[in-house]
């Protein structure tokens, strides 16, 4: 019986920490073990054309955003207008990552709400998302010229997060 107390205790501590972060709204700065490490290598079909593929190696030498979203995600709908406005600025490529969705549903969602993405990778079964450490959608990763993950936003990007955190970081990474 005692051997179950330590794992149970650790689980309760982690659950309480997550619950407090969610209550305070601090989910945007949840730490990621991938910060500073290369983005996981993958090669996924594109949402709009299964014959075309995308992987992070195709943007090596560029700073870019990878936005994880799904048609079934209500928070993605809240974030979407912010992404549409940001993409119009053309500061960096914005790549979509359609996570655990149906291809038709994802395509219809972009047709209905607008498409801020240069292209969208399609991760139907969520395996690549697991490699990225995706815990929910939306999530957004800043990836530098060397292909390393430099920052992660968990939850919807707000205009404030974009202005105060993402844009300054993106500009800094582009200079470096």
N, C-alpha and C. Protein backbone atom coordinates (compact mmCIF):
# COMPACT_ATOMS: atom_id res chain seq x y z
N UNK A 1 0.82 -1.20 0.00
CA UNK A 1 0.00 0.00 0.00
C UNK A 1 0.86 1.26 0.00
N UNK A 2 1.98 1.23 0.74
CA UNK A 2 2.83 2.41 0.83
C UNK A 2 3.45 2.77 -0.51
N UNK A 3 3.70 1.78 -1.36
CA UNK A 3 4.33 2.07 -2.65
C UNK A 3 3.43 2.90 -3.55
N UNK A 4 2.14 2.96 -3.28
CA UNK A 4 1.21 3.77 -4.07
C UNK A 4 1.11 5.20 -3.55
N UNK A 5 1.57 5.44 -2.34
CA UNK A 5 1.44 6.77 -1.75
C UNK A 5 2.33 7.80 -2.43
N UNK A 6 3.55 7.45 -2.79
CA UNK A 6 4.46 8.42 -3.43
C UNK A 6 3.92 8.83 -4.80
N UNK A 7 3.58 7.89 -5.70
CA UNK A 7 3.02 8.33 -6.98
C UNK A 7 1.72 9.12 -6.82
N UNK A 8 0.89 8.71 -5.88
CA UNK A 8 -0.36 9.43 -5.64
C UNK A 8 -0.07 10.84 -5.16
N UNK A 9 0.88 10.97 -4.26
CA UNK A 9 1.25 12.30 -3.75
C UNK A 9 1.80 13.19 -4.86
N UNK A 10 2.67 12.64 -5.71
CA UNK A 10 3.21 13.41 -6.83
C UNK A 10 2.11 13.83 -7.80
N UNK A 11 1.20 12.93 -8.06
CA UNK A 11 0.08 13.25 -8.95
C UNK A 11 -0.75 14.39 -8.36
N UNK A 12 -1.05 14.34 -7.08
CA UNK A 12 -1.86 15.38 -6.45
C UNK A 12 -1.16 16.74 -6.48
N UNK A 13 0.15 16.76 -6.27
CA UNK A 13 0.91 18.01 -6.33
C UNK A 13 0.85 18.59 -7.74
N UNK A 14 1.06 17.75 -8.75
CA UNK A 14 1.01 18.22 -10.14
C UNK A 14 -0.39 18.70 -10.51
N UNK A 15 -1.41 17.98 -10.08
CA UNK A 15 -2.79 18.36 -10.39
C UNK A 15 -3.13 19.70 -9.74
N UNK A 16 -2.70 19.89 -8.50
CA UNK A 16 -2.96 21.16 -7.81
C UNK A 16 -2.23 22.32 -8.49
N UNK A 17 -0.99 22.09 -8.90
CA UNK A 17 -0.23 23.13 -9.59
C UNK A 17 -0.91 23.52 -10.89
N UNK A 18 -1.34 22.54 -11.66
CA UNK A 18 -2.04 22.83 -12.91
C UNK A 18 -3.35 23.55 -12.64
N UNK A 19 -4.08 23.11 -11.65
CA UNK A 19 -5.37 23.74 -11.31
C UNK A 19 -5.17 25.20 -10.92
N UNK A 20 -4.13 25.49 -10.14
CA UNK A 20 -3.85 26.88 -9.76
C UNK A 20 -3.47 27.72 -10.96
N UNK A 21 -2.66 27.17 -11.85
CA UNK A 21 -2.26 27.91 -13.05
C UNK A 21 -3.48 28.20 -13.92
N UNK A 22 -4.37 27.22 -14.07
CA UNK A 22 -5.57 27.43 -14.86
C UNK A 22 -6.48 28.47 -14.22
N UNK A 23 -6.57 28.43 -12.90
CA UNK A 23 -7.43 29.39 -12.20
C UNK A 23 -6.90 30.81 -12.34
N UNK A 24 -5.57 30.97 -12.29
CA UNK A 24 -4.95 32.30 -12.42
C UNK A 24 -4.85 32.73 -13.87
N UNK A 25 -5.02 31.80 -14.80
CA UNK A 25 -4.90 32.15 -16.22
C UNK A 25 -3.47 32.18 -16.70
N UNK A 26 -2.54 31.52 -16.00
CA UNK A 26 -1.12 31.54 -16.36
C UNK A 26 -0.74 30.44 -17.33
N UNK A 27 -1.67 29.89 -18.04
CA UNK A 27 -1.35 28.76 -18.90
C UNK A 27 -0.45 29.15 -20.06
N UNK A 28 -0.41 30.41 -20.44
CA UNK A 28 0.39 30.80 -21.60
C UNK A 28 1.87 30.59 -21.35
N UNK A 29 2.31 30.63 -20.11
CA UNK A 29 3.72 30.48 -19.81
C UNK A 29 4.05 29.14 -19.16
N UNK A 30 3.26 28.11 -19.44
CA UNK A 30 3.60 26.79 -18.94
C UNK A 30 4.93 26.37 -19.56
N UNK A 31 5.86 25.87 -18.77
CA UNK A 31 7.17 25.52 -19.32
C UNK A 31 7.07 24.33 -20.27
N UNK A 32 8.00 24.32 -21.23
CA UNK A 32 8.08 23.21 -22.16
C UNK A 32 9.50 22.68 -22.14
N UNK A 33 9.67 21.36 -22.05
CA UNK A 33 11.02 20.81 -22.07
C UNK A 33 11.70 20.96 -23.43
N UNK A 34 10.95 21.37 -24.46
CA UNK A 34 11.52 21.50 -25.79
C UNK A 34 12.13 22.87 -26.08
N UNK A 35 11.94 23.83 -25.18
CA UNK A 35 12.49 25.17 -25.40
C UNK A 35 14.01 25.06 -25.52
N UNK A 36 14.54 25.63 -26.60
CA UNK A 36 15.97 25.60 -26.86
C UNK A 36 16.44 24.36 -27.60
N UNK A 37 15.54 23.43 -27.82
CA UNK A 37 15.89 22.19 -28.52
C UNK A 37 15.32 22.22 -29.93
N UNK A 38 15.90 21.42 -30.84
CA UNK A 38 15.36 21.37 -32.20
C UNK A 38 13.92 20.89 -32.22
N UNK A 39 13.13 21.49 -33.10
CA UNK A 39 11.77 21.01 -33.29
C UNK A 39 11.84 19.57 -33.75
N UNK A 40 10.98 18.71 -33.25
CA UNK A 40 11.00 17.31 -33.68
C UNK A 40 10.85 17.20 -35.20
N UNK A 41 11.61 16.32 -35.79
CA UNK A 41 11.52 16.10 -37.22
C UNK A 41 10.22 15.35 -37.53
N UNK A 42 9.54 15.81 -38.56
CA UNK A 42 8.35 15.12 -39.02
C UNK A 42 8.13 15.45 -40.49
N UNK A 43 7.27 14.70 -41.10
CA UNK A 43 6.89 14.93 -42.48
C UNK A 43 5.43 14.54 -42.61
N UNK A 44 4.55 15.54 -42.57
CA UNK A 44 3.11 15.30 -42.61
C UNK A 44 2.51 15.77 -43.92
N UNK A 45 1.42 15.17 -44.32
CA UNK A 45 0.71 15.66 -45.50
C UNK A 45 0.10 17.02 -45.17
N UNK A 46 -0.11 17.80 -46.21
CA UNK A 46 -0.74 19.10 -46.03
C UNK A 46 -2.26 18.94 -46.02
N UNK A 47 -2.91 19.78 -45.25
CA UNK A 47 -4.36 19.69 -45.09
C UNK A 47 -5.09 19.81 -46.43
N UNK A 48 -4.70 20.76 -47.24
CA UNK A 48 -5.44 21.01 -48.48
C UNK A 48 -5.02 20.12 -49.65
N UNK A 49 -3.87 19.43 -49.51
CA UNK A 49 -3.40 18.57 -50.60
C UNK A 49 -2.59 17.41 -50.02
N UNK A 50 -3.21 16.25 -49.83
CA UNK A 50 -2.52 15.11 -49.22
C UNK A 50 -1.27 14.66 -49.98
N UNK A 51 -1.15 15.04 -51.25
CA UNK A 51 0.02 14.65 -52.03
C UNK A 51 1.24 15.49 -51.67
N UNK A 52 1.02 16.66 -51.06
CA UNK A 52 2.13 17.53 -50.64
C UNK A 52 2.41 17.31 -49.16
N UNK A 53 3.68 17.44 -48.79
CA UNK A 53 4.05 17.24 -47.39
C UNK A 53 4.75 18.48 -46.84
N UNK A 54 4.85 18.50 -45.53
CA UNK A 54 5.58 19.58 -44.84
C UNK A 54 6.31 18.99 -43.64
N UNK A 55 7.51 19.51 -43.43
CA UNK A 55 8.30 19.21 -42.24
C UNK A 55 9.10 20.44 -41.88
N UNK A 56 9.53 20.58 -40.63
CA UNK A 56 10.25 21.77 -40.18
C UNK A 56 11.52 22.07 -40.98
N UNK A 57 12.14 21.04 -41.53
CA UNK A 57 13.37 21.24 -42.28
C UNK A 57 13.15 22.15 -43.50
N UNK A 58 11.92 22.25 -43.98
CA UNK A 58 11.63 23.08 -45.15
C UNK A 58 11.72 24.57 -44.85
N UNK A 59 11.71 24.95 -43.57
CA UNK A 59 11.80 26.36 -43.20
C UNK A 59 13.11 26.69 -42.48
N UNK A 60 14.07 25.79 -42.55
CA UNK A 60 15.38 26.05 -41.93
C UNK A 60 15.95 27.34 -42.52
N UNK A 61 16.49 28.17 -41.67
CA UNK A 61 17.01 29.46 -42.11
C UNK A 61 16.01 30.59 -41.97
N UNK A 62 14.77 30.25 -41.55
CA UNK A 62 13.74 31.26 -41.34
C UNK A 62 13.20 31.16 -39.92
N UNK A 63 12.76 32.28 -39.40
CA UNK A 63 12.01 32.31 -38.14
C UNK A 63 10.55 32.13 -38.53
N UNK A 64 9.82 31.29 -37.77
CA UNK A 64 8.42 31.05 -38.12
C UNK A 64 7.61 30.63 -36.92
N UNK A 65 6.29 30.69 -37.08
CA UNK A 65 5.34 30.25 -36.04
C UNK A 65 4.68 28.96 -36.50
N UNK A 66 4.50 28.05 -35.56
CA UNK A 66 3.72 26.84 -35.79
C UNK A 66 2.53 26.91 -34.86
N UNK A 67 1.34 27.03 -35.44
CA UNK A 67 0.11 27.17 -34.65
C UNK A 67 -0.69 25.88 -34.70
N UNK A 68 -0.86 25.24 -33.55
CA UNK A 68 -1.61 23.99 -33.43
C UNK A 68 -3.08 24.34 -33.20
N UNK A 69 -3.96 23.81 -34.04
CA UNK A 69 -5.39 24.13 -33.97
C UNK A 69 -6.21 22.93 -34.43
N UNK A 70 -7.52 23.03 -34.22
CA UNK A 70 -8.45 22.00 -34.69
C UNK A 70 -9.82 22.64 -34.90
N UNK A 71 -10.59 22.07 -35.80
CA UNK A 71 -11.93 22.60 -36.08
C UNK A 71 -12.87 22.45 -34.88
N UNK A 72 -12.61 21.48 -34.01
CA UNK A 72 -13.46 21.22 -32.85
C UNK A 72 -13.08 22.08 -31.64
N UNK A 73 -12.07 22.90 -31.78
CA UNK A 73 -11.52 23.69 -30.67
C UNK A 73 -12.21 25.05 -30.55
N UNK A 74 -12.88 25.27 -29.44
CA UNK A 74 -13.57 26.56 -29.25
C UNK A 74 -12.59 27.69 -28.98
N UNK A 75 -11.50 27.43 -28.29
CA UNK A 75 -10.51 28.47 -28.03
C UNK A 75 -9.80 28.90 -29.31
N UNK A 76 -9.71 27.99 -30.28
CA UNK A 76 -9.08 28.33 -31.57
C UNK A 76 -9.90 29.40 -32.28
N UNK A 77 -11.20 29.33 -32.13
CA UNK A 77 -12.07 30.33 -32.75
C UNK A 77 -11.81 31.71 -32.14
N UNK A 78 -11.54 31.75 -30.85
CA UNK A 78 -11.24 33.02 -30.16
C UNK A 78 -9.91 33.60 -30.66
N UNK A 79 -8.94 32.74 -30.89
CA UNK A 79 -7.60 33.17 -31.29
C UNK A 79 -7.52 33.53 -32.78
N UNK A 80 -8.38 32.96 -33.57
CA UNK A 80 -8.26 33.03 -35.03
C UNK A 80 -8.19 34.45 -35.60
N UNK A 81 -9.04 35.39 -35.17
CA UNK A 81 -8.93 36.75 -35.71
C UNK A 81 -7.56 37.39 -35.43
N UNK A 82 -6.97 37.07 -34.30
CA UNK A 82 -5.64 37.59 -33.98
C UNK A 82 -4.62 37.04 -34.97
N UNK A 83 -4.71 35.75 -35.28
CA UNK A 83 -3.80 35.15 -36.26
C UNK A 83 -4.00 35.73 -37.65
N UNK A 84 -5.25 35.94 -38.04
CA UNK A 84 -5.52 36.53 -39.35
C UNK A 84 -4.87 37.90 -39.48
N UNK A 85 -5.02 38.74 -38.47
CA UNK A 85 -4.41 40.08 -38.48
C UNK A 85 -2.88 39.98 -38.49
N UNK A 86 -2.34 39.09 -37.68
CA UNK A 86 -0.89 38.93 -37.62
C UNK A 86 -0.33 38.46 -38.96
N UNK A 87 -0.97 37.49 -39.58
CA UNK A 87 -0.48 36.94 -40.85
C UNK A 87 -0.43 38.02 -41.93
N UNK A 88 -1.37 38.96 -41.91
CA UNK A 88 -1.39 40.03 -42.90
C UNK A 88 -0.15 40.90 -42.81
N UNK A 89 0.46 40.99 -41.62
CA UNK A 89 1.68 41.79 -41.45
C UNK A 89 2.87 41.19 -42.18
N UNK A 90 2.87 39.88 -42.38
CA UNK A 90 3.95 39.22 -43.10
C UNK A 90 5.28 39.20 -42.38
N UNK A 91 5.27 39.34 -41.08
CA UNK A 91 6.52 39.37 -40.31
C UNK A 91 7.27 38.05 -40.42
N UNK A 92 6.56 36.95 -40.24
CA UNK A 92 7.14 35.61 -40.36
C UNK A 92 6.09 34.69 -40.96
N UNK A 93 6.51 33.57 -41.54
CA UNK A 93 5.52 32.59 -42.00
C UNK A 93 4.76 32.00 -40.81
N UNK A 94 3.46 31.87 -40.97
CA UNK A 94 2.62 31.22 -39.98
C UNK A 94 2.17 29.88 -40.59
N UNK A 95 2.59 28.81 -39.94
CA UNK A 95 2.27 27.46 -40.42
C UNK A 95 1.21 26.88 -39.50
N UNK A 96 0.16 26.35 -40.08
CA UNK A 96 -0.88 25.70 -39.30
C UNK A 96 -0.53 24.24 -39.05
N UNK A 97 -1.03 23.72 -37.96
CA UNK A 97 -0.83 22.32 -37.59
C UNK A 97 -2.18 21.80 -37.12
N UNK A 98 -2.92 21.20 -38.04
CA UNK A 98 -4.26 20.71 -37.75
C UNK A 98 -4.15 19.40 -36.97
N UNK A 99 -4.59 19.43 -35.72
CA UNK A 99 -4.32 18.38 -34.74
C UNK A 99 -5.55 17.54 -34.43
N UNK A 100 -5.43 16.23 -34.59
CA UNK A 100 -6.49 15.27 -34.26
C UNK A 100 -7.86 15.72 -34.78
N UNK A 101 -7.90 15.94 -36.07
CA UNK A 101 -9.09 16.47 -36.71
C UNK A 101 -9.42 15.61 -37.92
N UNK A 102 -10.50 15.90 -38.56
CA UNK A 102 -10.86 15.29 -39.83
C UNK A 102 -10.47 16.27 -40.94
N UNK A 103 -9.91 15.75 -42.01
CA UNK A 103 -9.42 16.62 -43.09
C UNK A 103 -10.53 17.55 -43.61
N UNK A 104 -11.70 17.01 -43.90
CA UNK A 104 -12.80 17.83 -44.42
C UNK A 104 -13.22 18.91 -43.43
N UNK A 105 -13.29 18.56 -42.16
CA UNK A 105 -13.69 19.52 -41.13
C UNK A 105 -12.68 20.66 -41.03
N UNK A 106 -11.39 20.33 -41.09
CA UNK A 106 -10.36 21.37 -41.04
C UNK A 106 -10.42 22.29 -42.24
N UNK A 107 -10.60 21.73 -43.41
CA UNK A 107 -10.69 22.54 -44.63
C UNK A 107 -11.92 23.46 -44.59
N UNK A 108 -13.05 22.92 -44.16
CA UNK A 108 -14.26 23.71 -44.07
C UNK A 108 -14.12 24.84 -43.05
N UNK A 109 -13.45 24.55 -41.95
CA UNK A 109 -13.25 25.55 -40.91
C UNK A 109 -12.45 26.73 -41.44
N UNK A 110 -11.37 26.44 -42.18
CA UNK A 110 -10.55 27.52 -42.75
C UNK A 110 -11.32 28.29 -43.82
N UNK A 111 -12.15 27.61 -44.60
CA UNK A 111 -12.96 28.29 -45.60
C UNK A 111 -13.94 29.24 -44.93
N UNK A 112 -14.53 28.80 -43.85
CA UNK A 112 -15.53 29.60 -43.14
C UNK A 112 -14.92 30.77 -42.38
N UNK A 113 -13.78 30.55 -41.71
CA UNK A 113 -13.20 31.55 -40.82
C UNK A 113 -12.03 32.33 -41.40
N UNK A 114 -11.52 31.91 -42.55
CA UNK A 114 -10.35 32.56 -43.14
C UNK A 114 -9.10 31.75 -42.86
N UNK A 115 -8.10 31.91 -43.71
CA UNK A 115 -6.90 31.10 -43.60
C UNK A 115 -5.66 31.98 -43.41
N UNK A 116 -5.12 32.03 -42.18
CA UNK A 116 -3.92 32.83 -41.94
C UNK A 116 -2.62 32.08 -42.25
N UNK A 117 -2.72 30.83 -42.66
CA UNK A 117 -1.54 29.97 -42.75
C UNK A 117 -0.96 29.94 -44.15
N UNK A 118 0.37 29.93 -44.20
CA UNK A 118 1.05 29.71 -45.48
C UNK A 118 0.71 28.31 -45.99
N UNK A 119 0.65 27.37 -45.06
CA UNK A 119 0.21 26.01 -45.33
C UNK A 119 -0.15 25.39 -44.00
N UNK A 120 -0.85 24.27 -44.05
CA UNK A 120 -1.25 23.58 -42.82
C UNK A 120 -0.87 22.11 -42.91
N UNK A 121 -0.08 21.67 -41.93
CA UNK A 121 0.26 20.25 -41.80
C UNK A 121 -0.93 19.55 -41.14
N UNK A 122 -1.17 18.30 -41.52
CA UNK A 122 -2.33 17.57 -41.05
C UNK A 122 -1.88 16.38 -40.20
N UNK A 123 -2.18 16.45 -38.88
CA UNK A 123 -1.79 15.41 -37.93
C UNK A 123 -3.05 14.73 -37.40
N UNK A 124 -3.63 13.89 -38.24
CA UNK A 124 -4.93 13.29 -37.92
C UNK A 124 -4.92 12.46 -36.64
N UNK A 125 -3.88 11.66 -36.44
CA UNK A 125 -3.86 10.78 -35.27
C UNK A 125 -3.16 11.39 -34.06
N UNK A 126 -2.55 12.54 -34.21
CA UNK A 126 -1.94 13.23 -33.08
C UNK A 126 -0.56 12.76 -32.68
N UNK A 127 0.03 11.86 -33.44
CA UNK A 127 1.35 11.32 -33.06
C UNK A 127 2.44 12.38 -33.07
N UNK A 128 2.46 13.22 -34.10
CA UNK A 128 3.48 14.27 -34.16
C UNK A 128 3.22 15.31 -33.08
N UNK A 129 1.96 15.59 -32.82
CA UNK A 129 1.62 16.51 -31.73
C UNK A 129 2.17 16.03 -30.40
N UNK A 130 2.15 14.72 -30.19
CA UNK A 130 2.72 14.17 -28.95
C UNK A 130 4.22 14.43 -28.91
N UNK A 131 4.91 14.31 -30.04
CA UNK A 131 6.34 14.60 -30.09
C UNK A 131 6.63 16.06 -29.76
N UNK A 132 5.70 16.94 -30.12
CA UNK A 132 5.84 18.37 -29.82
C UNK A 132 5.45 18.70 -28.38
N UNK A 133 4.88 17.75 -27.69
CA UNK A 133 4.45 18.00 -26.32
C UNK A 133 3.13 18.75 -26.24
N UNK A 134 2.31 18.63 -27.27
CA UNK A 134 1.02 19.32 -27.28
C UNK A 134 0.15 18.73 -26.17
N UNK A 135 -0.36 19.62 -25.31
CA UNK A 135 -1.24 19.17 -24.23
C UNK A 135 -2.68 19.61 -24.46
N UNK A 136 -2.87 20.46 -25.45
CA UNK A 136 -4.20 20.94 -25.79
C UNK A 136 -4.09 21.93 -26.93
N UNK A 137 -5.21 22.31 -27.46
CA UNK A 137 -5.19 23.30 -28.54
C UNK A 137 -5.99 24.51 -28.12
N UNK A 138 -5.59 25.67 -28.56
CA UNK A 138 -4.46 25.95 -29.42
C UNK A 138 -3.15 26.04 -28.64
N UNK A 139 -2.08 25.82 -29.35
CA UNK A 139 -0.72 26.04 -28.86
C UNK A 139 0.06 26.62 -30.02
N UNK A 140 1.02 27.46 -29.71
CA UNK A 140 1.83 28.09 -30.75
C UNK A 140 3.29 28.05 -30.36
N UNK A 141 4.13 27.67 -31.32
CA UNK A 141 5.56 27.56 -31.12
C UNK A 141 6.28 28.59 -31.98
N UNK A 142 7.28 29.25 -31.39
CA UNK A 142 8.18 30.12 -32.15
C UNK A 142 9.41 29.27 -32.45
N UNK A 143 9.77 29.20 -33.73
CA UNK A 143 10.90 28.38 -34.15
C UNK A 143 11.91 29.29 -34.83
N UNK A 144 13.17 29.17 -34.42
CA UNK A 144 14.21 30.06 -34.93
C UNK A 144 14.83 29.55 -36.23
N UNK A 145 15.81 30.30 -36.74
CA UNK A 145 16.44 29.98 -38.03
C UNK A 145 17.15 28.63 -38.03
N UNK A 146 17.60 28.20 -36.87
CA UNK A 146 18.28 26.90 -36.76
C UNK A 146 17.30 25.74 -36.55
N UNK A 147 16.01 26.06 -36.46
CA UNK A 147 15.01 25.02 -36.28
C UNK A 147 14.76 24.66 -34.82
N UNK A 148 15.20 25.52 -33.89
CA UNK A 148 14.99 25.28 -32.46
C UNK A 148 13.71 25.98 -31.99
N UNK A 149 13.03 25.33 -31.08
CA UNK A 149 11.85 25.93 -30.45
C UNK A 149 12.34 26.95 -29.43
N UNK A 150 11.92 28.18 -29.59
CA UNK A 150 12.38 29.25 -28.70
C UNK A 150 11.33 29.71 -27.71
N UNK A 151 10.05 29.46 -28.01
CA UNK A 151 8.99 29.91 -27.11
C UNK A 151 7.73 29.12 -27.44
N UNK A 152 6.90 28.93 -26.43
CA UNK A 152 5.64 28.22 -26.63
C UNK A 152 4.53 28.96 -25.90
N UNK A 153 3.44 29.18 -26.61
CA UNK A 153 2.24 29.76 -26.00
C UNK A 153 1.22 28.63 -25.90
N UNK A 154 0.77 28.36 -24.69
CA UNK A 154 -0.28 27.38 -24.47
C UNK A 154 -1.58 28.13 -24.28
N UNK A 155 -2.56 27.82 -25.11
CA UNK A 155 -3.82 28.55 -25.08
C UNK A 155 -3.85 29.56 -26.21
N UNK A 156 -4.94 30.30 -26.31
CA UNK A 156 -5.10 31.23 -27.42
C UNK A 156 -4.13 32.42 -27.33
N UNK A 157 -3.61 32.81 -28.47
CA UNK A 157 -2.80 34.03 -28.55
C UNK A 157 -3.76 35.21 -28.45
N UNK A 158 -3.45 36.13 -27.58
CA UNK A 158 -4.23 37.35 -27.45
C UNK A 158 -3.46 38.49 -28.12
N UNK A 159 -4.12 39.60 -28.40
CA UNK A 159 -3.39 40.74 -28.97
C UNK A 159 -2.25 41.20 -28.04
N UNK A 160 -2.47 41.10 -26.73
CA UNK A 160 -1.43 41.51 -25.77
C UNK A 160 -0.22 40.59 -25.83
N UNK A 161 -0.45 39.30 -25.87
CA UNK A 161 0.66 38.34 -25.95
C UNK A 161 1.42 38.55 -27.26
N UNK A 162 0.69 38.79 -28.31
CA UNK A 162 1.32 39.03 -29.61
C UNK A 162 2.21 40.27 -29.55
N UNK A 163 1.65 41.36 -29.05
CA UNK A 163 2.37 42.64 -29.01
C UNK A 163 3.52 42.63 -28.00
N UNK A 164 3.29 42.08 -26.82
CA UNK A 164 4.27 42.17 -25.74
C UNK A 164 5.33 41.08 -25.75
N UNK A 165 5.00 39.91 -26.28
CA UNK A 165 5.94 38.78 -26.22
C UNK A 165 6.38 38.28 -27.59
N UNK A 166 5.41 37.94 -28.44
CA UNK A 166 5.75 37.26 -29.69
C UNK A 166 6.44 38.18 -30.70
N UNK A 167 5.88 39.34 -30.98
CA UNK A 167 6.48 40.21 -31.99
C UNK A 167 7.89 40.64 -31.59
N UNK A 168 8.13 41.09 -30.35
CA UNK A 168 9.51 41.44 -29.99
C UNK A 168 10.48 40.25 -30.14
N UNK A 169 10.05 39.06 -29.72
CA UNK A 169 10.91 37.89 -29.85
C UNK A 169 11.17 37.55 -31.31
N UNK A 170 10.15 37.60 -32.13
CA UNK A 170 10.31 37.28 -33.55
C UNK A 170 11.28 38.25 -34.22
N UNK A 171 11.16 39.53 -33.91
CA UNK A 171 12.07 40.54 -34.48
C UNK A 171 13.50 40.31 -34.02
N UNK A 172 13.67 39.99 -32.75
CA UNK A 172 15.00 39.71 -32.21
C UNK A 172 15.62 38.49 -32.90
N UNK A 173 14.84 37.44 -33.07
CA UNK A 173 15.35 36.22 -33.71
C UNK A 173 15.68 36.46 -35.18
N UNK A 174 14.95 37.32 -35.84
CA UNK A 174 15.24 37.62 -37.24
C UNK A 174 16.55 38.40 -37.38
N UNK A 175 16.87 39.23 -36.41
CA UNK A 175 18.14 39.98 -36.45
C UNK A 175 19.33 39.08 -36.22
N UNK A 176 19.14 38.05 -35.35
CA UNK A 176 20.24 37.18 -34.94
C UNK A 176 20.64 36.15 -35.91
